[in-house]
């Protein structure tokens, strides 16, 4: 057994993220770029580092290669300590057979031996696909002070939207009296954030019992939490007051990036007291030509800007040539927008090349271009279209083929 820990975090990062379309065809959702220089998973990993949690199990499953390489030893988040670290944990395999994680609880159950190595007092379960800053140590302290068996972070949501979430009904002391999974008639506006603190000895028993139940979905929200309530365990809600964004859809990902461009954004990425760490490429300084025009945009290192950029987030290594106009868009790493092309309200994935004189997207719907796409000169892509990663689009008639 390793040195005993006060807390161990398990980060659920295996989601397919199908609602993100072509952006997650070849990568897990937590590996998607956000804010020019970050990945979504940077936020829970950075939160762990700031919260004094130095042992994090990252549970991967769907398209894990890019995410595994990105996390590495956990050094960018100061999680490469001798007594802890960031550990990538794929689905558990025994003998000649393997088993996918069949639910959030099952993912933790399959890694009970990993948690047991550290014999923690508390287990922190996190999701890898939300944008937020949070001090988990305060939540752990609250859990301990109240003698809870489980503490669940909650966020107030508009009552008309409460039916989209798992809802916690509480008494005046925030003790959870009922859990409602996406109720048609919600009795509370406290939505679960999918962030849990459990007393390890207690939750371990529930995980083992749940794994033996063939009728269970092996999910915390659907099975474990209701079972704990039914057995009279002490469950407490922990209200969260800061910025929190679920970026599980194309619209929410675009909105989250655009919110960074506000005069006073709710999420401060430049706060020196709570930095969001990331594994950034070692790029030179950005070059902006004297004739370039940039307004209300974020431009990362290693970019070459000769054209016009308006209200956009531009990642490292992007090239925008003379006469090109990028507006209301998110351009990810190492893309090239060639001369006289216009890109409007588009999310463009990494390593994509747009030829000269192209027209991509429009002002009414979000257009999405996958990674390593080649769009030849003069081609036009209508607003709202999605182009699969690795495809090539070539002009078929003079003046450009309208898709």
Protein backbone atom coordinates (compact mmCIF):
# COMPACT_ATOMS: atom_id res chain seq x y z
CA UNK A 1 0.00 0.00 0.00
CA UNK A 2 1.15 3.52 -0.82
CA UNK A 3 1.25 6.32 1.74
CA UNK A 4 -2.25 6.96 3.10
CA UNK A 5 -3.99 9.98 1.54
CA UNK A 6 -6.58 12.33 2.90
CA UNK A 7 -8.24 12.41 -0.52
CA UNK A 8 -7.93 10.89 -3.99
CA UNK A 9 -9.70 12.26 -7.07
CA UNK A 10 -11.13 10.17 -9.87
CA UNK A 11 -11.74 12.13 -13.06
CA UNK A 12 -14.27 10.67 -15.50
CA UNK A 13 -12.81 11.53 -18.92
CA UNK A 14 -13.99 8.73 -21.20
CA UNK A 15 -17.03 10.39 -22.70
CA UNK A 16 -17.65 10.19 -26.44
CA UNK A 17 -19.23 13.64 -26.64
CA UNK A 18 -21.40 12.77 -29.63
CA UNK A 19 -23.21 16.14 -29.45
CA UNK A 20 -19.93 17.84 -30.41
CA UNK A 21 -20.14 16.17 -33.79
CA UNK A 22 -16.98 16.07 -35.90
CA UNK A 23 -14.90 17.63 -33.09
CA UNK A 24 -15.05 14.35 -31.12
CA UNK A 25 -14.93 11.81 -33.93
CA UNK A 26 -11.25 11.13 -33.18
CA UNK A 27 -10.83 12.40 -29.61
CA UNK A 28 -12.51 12.24 -26.22
CA UNK A 29 -14.55 15.30 -25.28
CA UNK A 30 -12.19 16.43 -22.46
CA UNK A 31 -9.39 16.79 -25.05
CA UNK A 32 -11.28 19.41 -27.10
CA UNK A 33 -9.58 22.82 -27.32
CA UNK A 34 -11.04 25.77 -25.42
CA UNK A 35 -9.98 29.39 -25.11
CA UNK A 36 -7.20 29.14 -27.67
CA UNK A 37 -4.59 27.48 -25.45
CA UNK A 38 -6.48 25.10 -23.15
CA UNK A 39 -8.18 21.73 -23.27
CA UNK A 40 -11.40 21.16 -21.31
CA UNK A 41 -9.63 18.69 -19.01
CA UNK A 42 -7.20 21.44 -17.90
CA UNK A 43 -9.87 22.82 -15.58
CA UNK A 44 -10.50 19.86 -13.24
CA UNK A 45 -6.79 18.99 -13.28
CA UNK A 46 -5.83 22.56 -12.36
CA UNK A 47 -8.55 22.62 -9.70
CA UNK A 48 -7.07 19.47 -8.15
CA UNK A 49 -3.62 21.01 -8.09
CA UNK A 50 -4.83 24.21 -6.40
CA UNK A 51 -6.98 22.19 -3.97
CA UNK A 52 -4.04 20.18 -2.64
CA UNK A 53 -5.15 16.91 -4.28
CA UNK A 54 -1.97 15.36 -5.68
CA UNK A 55 -3.32 11.94 -6.70
CA UNK A 56 -5.72 11.87 -9.63
CA UNK A 57 -6.93 8.87 -11.58
CA UNK A 58 -8.04 9.85 -15.09
CA UNK A 59 -10.51 7.30 -16.41
CA UNK A 60 -10.33 7.14 -20.21
CA UNK A 61 -12.25 5.03 -22.68
CA UNK A 62 -13.39 6.59 -25.97
CA UNK A 63 -10.59 7.61 -28.40
CA UNK A 64 -8.06 7.95 -25.55
CA UNK A 65 -4.80 8.37 -27.52
CA UNK A 66 -4.75 12.18 -27.77
CA UNK A 67 -5.91 12.60 -24.17
CA UNK A 68 -3.36 10.13 -22.82
CA UNK A 69 -0.51 11.85 -24.65
CA UNK A 70 -1.70 15.24 -23.46
CA UNK A 71 -1.83 14.28 -19.77
CA UNK A 72 1.52 12.47 -19.78
CA UNK A 73 2.96 12.41 -16.27
CA UNK A 74 0.80 15.32 -15.10
CA UNK A 75 3.76 17.72 -14.91
CA UNK A 76 2.00 20.83 -16.33
CA UNK A 77 -0.49 20.63 -13.44
CA UNK A 78 2.19 19.86 -10.84
CA UNK A 79 0.81 16.33 -10.48
CA UNK A 80 4.06 14.44 -11.07
CA UNK A 81 5.04 14.10 -7.39
CA UNK A 82 6.85 11.13 -5.89
CA UNK A 83 3.93 10.30 -3.58
CA UNK A 84 1.11 10.96 -6.06
CA UNK A 85 0.55 11.87 -9.69
CA UNK A 86 -1.90 11.84 -12.58
CA UNK A 87 -2.62 8.26 -13.67
CA UNK A 88 -4.42 7.37 -16.89
CA UNK A 89 -6.74 4.42 -16.16
CA UNK A 90 -8.27 2.60 -19.15
CA UNK A 91 -11.04 0.00 -18.69
CA UNK A 92 -9.97 -2.88 -16.50
CA UNK A 93 -8.93 -6.12 -18.18
CA UNK A 94 -8.72 -9.58 -16.61
CA UNK A 95 -7.26 -12.62 -18.31
CA UNK A 96 -8.34 -12.84 -21.94
CA UNK A 97 -11.37 -10.58 -21.56
CA UNK A 98 -11.92 -6.87 -21.08
CA UNK A 99 -14.93 -4.81 -20.16
CA UNK A 100 -15.89 -1.27 -21.10
CA UNK A 101 -16.92 1.06 -18.32
CA UNK A 102 -20.69 0.59 -18.25
CA UNK A 103 -21.51 3.62 -16.10
CA UNK A 104 -19.94 6.25 -13.88
CA UNK A 105 -20.09 4.04 -10.79
CA UNK A 106 -18.76 1.03 -12.69
CA UNK A 107 -15.77 3.09 -13.85
CA UNK A 108 -14.83 3.73 -10.22
CA UNK A 109 -15.60 0.13 -9.23
CA UNK A 110 -13.24 -1.24 -11.86
CA UNK A 111 -10.48 0.85 -10.27
CA UNK A 112 -11.14 0.08 -6.61
CA UNK A 113 -7.67 -1.46 -6.31
CA UNK A 114 -6.13 1.84 -7.48
CA UNK A 115 -7.97 3.81 -4.79
CA UNK A 116 -7.24 1.15 -2.16
CA UNK A 117 -3.50 1.65 -2.70
CA UNK A 118 -3.83 5.07 -1.06
CA UNK A 119 -6.53 4.14 1.50
CA UNK A 120 -7.99 7.69 1.37
CA UNK A 121 -10.40 9.15 3.85
CA UNK A 122 -12.33 10.77 1.02
CA UNK A 123 -12.94 10.07 -2.67
CA UNK A 124 -13.58 13.03 -4.97
CA UNK A 125 -15.38 12.11 -8.21
CA UNK A 126 -15.17 14.66 -11.03
CA UNK A 127 -16.34 15.09 -14.61
CA UNK A 128 -13.86 15.96 -17.34
CA UNK A 129 -16.13 18.03 -19.57
CA UNK A 130 -17.01 21.20 -17.64
CA UNK A 131 -15.40 24.65 -17.56
CA UNK A 132 -15.14 26.08 -14.03
CA UNK A 133 -12.82 26.98 -11.16
CA UNK A 134 -13.47 25.33 -7.81
CA UNK A 135 -11.56 24.72 -4.58
CA UNK A 136 -12.36 21.10 -3.79
CA UNK A 137 -10.63 21.37 -0.40
CA UNK A 138 -13.45 23.62 0.85
CA UNK A 139 -16.01 21.04 -0.25
CA UNK A 140 -14.04 18.27 1.48
CA UNK A 141 -13.88 20.37 4.66
CA UNK A 142 -17.67 20.90 4.55
CA UNK A 143 -18.17 17.16 4.03
CA UNK A 144 -16.03 16.40 7.06
CA UNK A 145 -17.57 19.09 9.28
CA UNK A 146 -21.11 17.83 8.62
CA UNK A 147 -20.17 14.17 9.02
CA UNK A 148 -21.63 13.41 5.59
CA UNK A 149 -21.39 10.14 3.72
CA UNK A 150 -21.73 11.97 0.40
CA UNK A 151 -21.56 15.65 -0.52
CA UNK A 152 -22.83 16.74 -3.92
CA UNK A 153 -21.97 20.07 -5.53
CA UNK A 154 -25.09 21.85 -6.79
CA UNK A 155 -25.76 24.89 -8.91
CA UNK A 156 -28.93 26.98 -8.95
CA UNK A 157 -30.59 26.83 -12.37
CA UNK A 158 -33.71 28.56 -13.73
CA UNK A 159 -36.76 26.56 -12.66
CA UNK A 160 -37.89 26.25 -16.28
CA UNK A 161 -34.61 24.45 -17.10
CA UNK A 162 -34.47 22.22 -14.01
CA UNK A 163 -36.03 19.25 -15.81
CA UNK A 164 -32.79 18.89 -17.84
CA UNK A 165 -30.73 18.06 -14.72
CA UNK A 166 -30.47 15.76 -11.77
CA UNK A 167 -32.19 17.80 -9.05
CA UNK A 168 -31.46 17.74 -5.31
CA UNK A 169 -34.33 18.45 -2.92
CA UNK A 170 -32.98 19.59 0.47
CA UNK A 171 -34.12 20.75 3.89
CA UNK A 172 -33.11 24.11 5.39
CA UNK A 173 -29.71 22.70 6.43
CA UNK A 174 -28.96 21.50 2.87
CA UNK A 175 -29.38 17.86 3.82
CA UNK A 176 -30.58 16.04 0.70
CA UNK A 177 -34.02 14.53 1.20
CA UNK A 178 -34.78 13.49 -2.37
CA UNK A 179 -32.98 13.07 -5.69
CA UNK A 180 -34.93 13.64 -8.92
CA UNK A 181 -33.35 12.53 -12.19
CA UNK A 182 -34.49 14.97 -14.92
CA UNK A 183 -37.96 15.37 -13.36
CA UNK A 184 -40.95 16.60 -15.36
CA UNK A 185 -42.10 18.57 -12.31
CA UNK A 186 -38.95 19.52 -10.38
CA UNK A 187 -39.35 20.38 -6.70
CA UNK A 188 -36.07 22.30 -6.47
CA UNK A 189 -33.72 24.43 -8.57
CA UNK A 190 -30.53 22.82 -7.20
CA UNK A 191 -28.93 20.91 -10.08
CA UNK A 192 -26.20 18.33 -9.54
CA UNK A 193 -22.86 19.35 -11.07
CA UNK A 194 -21.57 15.77 -11.17
CA UNK A 195 -18.98 16.63 -8.51
CA UNK A 196 -19.04 14.32 -5.50
CA UNK A 197 -17.13 13.88 -2.25
CA UNK A 198 -17.62 10.46 -0.65
CA UNK A 199 -16.33 8.91 2.54
CA UNK A 200 -14.29 6.14 0.95
CA UNK A 201 -15.16 3.28 3.32
CA UNK A 202 -18.86 3.97 2.84
CA UNK A 203 -18.93 4.42 -0.93
CA UNK A 204 -16.68 1.39 -1.43
CA UNK A 205 -19.40 -0.84 0.01
CA UNK A 206 -22.02 0.68 -2.27
CA UNK A 207 -19.84 0.23 -5.34
CA UNK A 208 -19.27 -3.45 -4.57
CA UNK A 209 -22.97 -4.04 -3.90
CA UNK A 210 -24.00 -2.19 -7.06
CA UNK A 211 -21.56 -4.19 -9.22
CA UNK A 212 -23.38 -7.39 -8.22
CA UNK A 213 -26.80 -6.06 -9.24
CA UNK A 214 -27.59 -7.14 -12.84
CA UNK A 215 -30.51 -4.69 -13.00
CA UNK A 216 -28.37 -1.65 -12.20
CA UNK A 217 -27.15 0.89 -14.74
CA UNK A 218 -24.07 1.28 -12.47
CA UNK A 219 -24.46 5.05 -12.44
CA UNK A 220 -24.06 7.46 -9.53
CA UNK A 221 -27.11 9.55 -10.38
CA UNK A 222 -29.43 6.71 -11.34
CA UNK A 223 -28.37 4.07 -8.82
CA UNK A 224 -25.79 4.91 -6.14
CA UNK A 225 -27.25 8.22 -4.89
CA UNK A 226 -30.87 6.93 -4.70
CA UNK A 227 -29.66 3.78 -2.95
CA UNK A 228 -27.72 5.80 -0.36
CA UNK A 229 -30.79 7.93 0.31
CA UNK A 230 -33.00 4.86 0.63
CA UNK A 231 -30.63 3.38 3.21
CA UNK A 232 -30.62 6.54 5.29
CA UNK A 233 -27.07 7.73 4.64
CA UNK A 234 -26.31 11.41 5.25
CA UNK A 235 -26.17 13.24 1.92
CA UNK A 236 -25.46 16.98 1.82
CA UNK A 237 -25.70 19.57 -0.97
CA UNK A 238 -22.78 21.94 -1.48
CA UNK A 239 -23.85 25.14 -3.31
CA UNK A 240 -21.44 26.51 -5.92
CA UNK A 241 -21.66 30.20 -6.79
CA UNK A 242 -19.03 30.69 -9.52
CA UNK A 243 -18.88 30.33 -13.30
CA UNK A 244 -19.71 26.84 -14.58
CA UNK A 245 -20.30 25.79 -18.17
CA UNK A 246 -21.21 22.43 -19.64
CA UNK A 247 -19.56 22.50 -23.07
CA UNK A 248 -21.14 19.30 -24.33
CA UNK A 249 -22.74 20.81 -27.45
CA UNK A 250 -21.50 22.81 -30.42
CA UNK A 251 -23.58 25.81 -29.30
CA UNK A 252 -22.36 25.75 -25.68
CA UNK A 253 -18.71 25.36 -26.76
CA UNK A 254 -19.02 28.32 -29.13
CA UNK A 255 -20.80 30.38 -26.45
CA UNK A 256 -18.17 29.57 -23.82
CA UNK A 257 -15.40 30.82 -26.11
CA UNK A 258 -17.32 33.95 -27.09
CA UNK A 259 -17.96 34.74 -23.40
CA UNK A 260 -14.19 35.09 -22.94
CA UNK A 261 -14.31 38.11 -25.26
CA UNK A 262 -16.66 40.13 -23.04
CA UNK A 263 -15.35 43.34 -21.51
CA UNK A 264 -15.49 41.71 -18.07
CA UNK A 265 -15.71 37.94 -18.62
CA UNK A 266 -17.19 35.88 -15.77
CA UNK A 267 -14.28 33.43 -16.09
CA UNK A 268 -10.94 35.14 -15.51
CA UNK A 269 -8.19 33.09 -17.16
CA UNK A 270 -5.57 35.63 -16.09
CA UNK A 271 -6.15 35.31 -12.35
CA UNK A 272 -2.65 34.72 -10.88
CA UNK A 273 -4.12 33.22 -7.70
CA UNK A 274 -5.86 30.40 -9.59
CA UNK A 275 -4.07 29.75 -12.84
CA UNK A 276 -5.41 27.22 -15.28
CA UNK A 277 -2.41 25.14 -16.31
CA UNK A 278 -2.07 23.47 -19.71
CA UNK A 279 0.43 21.63 -21.87
CA UNK A 280 1.18 24.37 -24.39
CA UNK A 281 3.32 24.04 -27.50
CA UNK A 282 6.56 26.01 -27.37
CA UNK A 283 5.61 28.62 -29.94
CA UNK A 284 7.35 31.93 -30.80
CA UNK A 285 5.62 35.25 -30.25
CA UNK A 286 2.65 36.14 -32.42
CA UNK A 287 3.38 38.18 -35.57
CA UNK A 288 0.83 40.82 -36.58
CA UNK A 289 1.38 42.55 -39.89
CA UNK A 290 1.13 46.35 -40.00
CA UNK A 291 -1.90 46.08 -42.27
CA UNK A 292 -3.70 43.47 -40.19
CA UNK A 293 -6.89 44.40 -38.33
CA UNK A 294 -7.73 42.75 -35.01
CA UNK A 295 -10.70 43.67 -32.83
CA UNK A 296 -12.13 42.07 -29.66
CA UNK A 297 -10.25 38.80 -30.15
CA UNK A 298 -7.88 36.42 -28.39
CA UNK A 299 -4.72 35.61 -30.37
CA UNK A 300 -2.34 32.94 -29.08
CA UNK A 301 1.41 32.48 -29.54
CA UNK A 302 2.91 31.47 -32.86
CA UNK A 303 0.21 33.03 -35.03
CA UNK A 304 0.82 35.02 -38.22
CA UNK A 305 -1.94 37.55 -38.75
CA UNK A 306 -2.00 39.48 -42.04
CA UNK A 307 -5.77 39.75 -42.55
CA UNK A 308 -8.75 40.75 -40.39
CA UNK A 309 -9.87 39.08 -37.16
CA UNK A 310 -13.07 40.17 -35.42
CA UNK A 311 -14.62 38.78 -32.24
CA UNK A 312 -12.76 35.46 -32.53
CA UNK A 313 -10.53 33.07 -30.57
CA UNK A 314 -7.39 32.09 -32.48
CA UNK A 315 -5.21 29.23 -31.21
CA UNK A 316 -1.45 28.78 -31.51
CA UNK A 317 0.20 28.43 -34.91
CA UNK A 318 -2.69 29.80 -36.99
CA UNK A 319 -1.95 31.72 -40.18
CA UNK A 320 -4.44 34.25 -41.55
CA UNK A 321 -3.26 35.62 -44.88
CA UNK A 322 -3.79 39.07 -46.46
CA UNK A 323 -7.38 39.82 -47.40
CA UNK A 324 -8.74 36.94 -45.27
CA UNK A 325 -11.49 37.79 -42.78
CA UNK A 326 -12.28 35.70 -39.70
CA UNK A 327 -15.35 36.78 -37.74
CA UNK A 328 -17.21 35.34 -34.71
CA UNK A 329 -15.18 32.13 -35.00
CA UNK A 330 -12.99 29.68 -33.09
CA UNK A 331 -9.89 28.63 -35.03
CA UNK A 332 -7.89 25.83 -33.42
CA UNK A 333 -4.18 25.04 -33.65
CA UNK A 334 -2.14 25.25 -36.86
CA UNK A 335 -4.94 26.15 -39.26
CA UNK A 336 -4.36 28.30 -42.34
CA UNK A 337 -6.90 30.72 -43.79
CA UNK A 338 -5.63 31.71 -47.23
CA UNK A 339 -5.94 35.00 -49.09
CA UNK A 340 -9.32 36.63 -49.58
CA UNK A 341 -11.25 33.88 -47.78
CA UNK A 342 -14.04 34.66 -45.33
CA UNK A 343 -14.76 32.51 -42.26
CA UNK A 344 -17.88 33.44 -40.28
CA UNK A 345 -19.35 31.90 -37.10
CA UNK A 346 -17.28 28.74 -37.54
CA UNK A 347 -15.50 26.30 -35.24
CA UNK A 348 -12.46 25.05 -37.17
CA UNK A 349 -10.51 22.11 -35.76
CA UNK A 350 -6.73 21.65 -35.86
CA UNK A 351 -4.49 21.47 -38.96
CA UNK A 352 -7.20 22.54 -41.39
CA UNK A 353 -6.37 24.52 -44.54
CA UNK A 354 -8.76 26.90 -46.28
CA UNK A 355 -7.78 27.81 -49.85
CA UNK A 356 -7.98 31.24 -51.47
CA UNK A 357 -11.30 32.98 -52.03
CA UNK A 358 -13.37 30.55 -49.97
CA UNK A 359 -16.59 31.40 -48.13
CA UNK A 360 -17.07 29.39 -44.96
CA UNK A 361 -20.20 29.67 -42.79
CA UNK A 362 -22.58 32.54 -42.19
CA UNK A 363 -24.09 34.65 -39.41
CA UNK A 364 -27.14 32.52 -38.59
CA UNK A 365 -25.83 29.04 -37.70
CA UNK A 366 -22.56 27.61 -36.34
CA UNK A 367 -20.48 25.84 -38.99
CA UNK A 368 -18.04 23.13 -37.87
CA UNK A 369 -14.95 22.00 -39.80
CA UNK A 370 -13.13 18.87 -38.57
CA UNK A 371 -9.38 18.50 -38.17
CA UNK A 372 -6.98 18.14 -41.11
CA UNK A 373 -9.61 19.18 -43.65
CA UNK A 374 -8.41 20.65 -46.98
CA UNK A 375 -10.74 23.14 -48.63
CA UNK A 376 -9.55 24.10 -52.11
CA UNK A 377 -9.66 27.58 -53.66
CA UNK A 378 -13.08 29.10 -54.21
CA UNK A 379 -15.10 26.53 -52.29
CA UNK A 380 -18.19 27.57 -50.33
CA UNK A 381 -19.61 25.95 -47.22
CA UNK A 382 -23.09 26.97 -46.12
CA UNK A 383 -23.83 28.05 -42.54
CA UNK A 384 -24.60 25.17 -40.19
CA UNK A 385 -22.72 22.49 -42.16
CA UNK A 386 -20.27 20.00 -40.55
CA UNK A 387 -17.26 18.70 -42.50
CA UNK A 388 -15.75 15.45 -41.26
CA UNK A 389 -12.12 15.32 -40.18
CA UNK A 390 -9.53 14.44 -42.80
CA UNK A 391 -11.73 15.18 -45.81
CA UNK A 392 -10.85 17.19 -48.93
CA UNK A 393 -13.18 19.62 -50.68
CA UNK A 394 -12.33 20.63 -54.22
CA UNK A 395 -13.91 23.09 -56.63
CA UNK A 396 -15.98 21.29 -59.27
CA UNK A 397 -17.28 24.27 -61.28
CA UNK A 398 -15.99 27.76 -61.97
CA UNK A 399 -16.65 30.13 -59.13
CA UNK A 400 -16.89 27.50 -56.45
CA UNK A 401 -19.21 24.61 -55.73
CA UNK A 402 -21.98 25.54 -53.30
CA UNK A 403 -22.36 22.81 -50.65
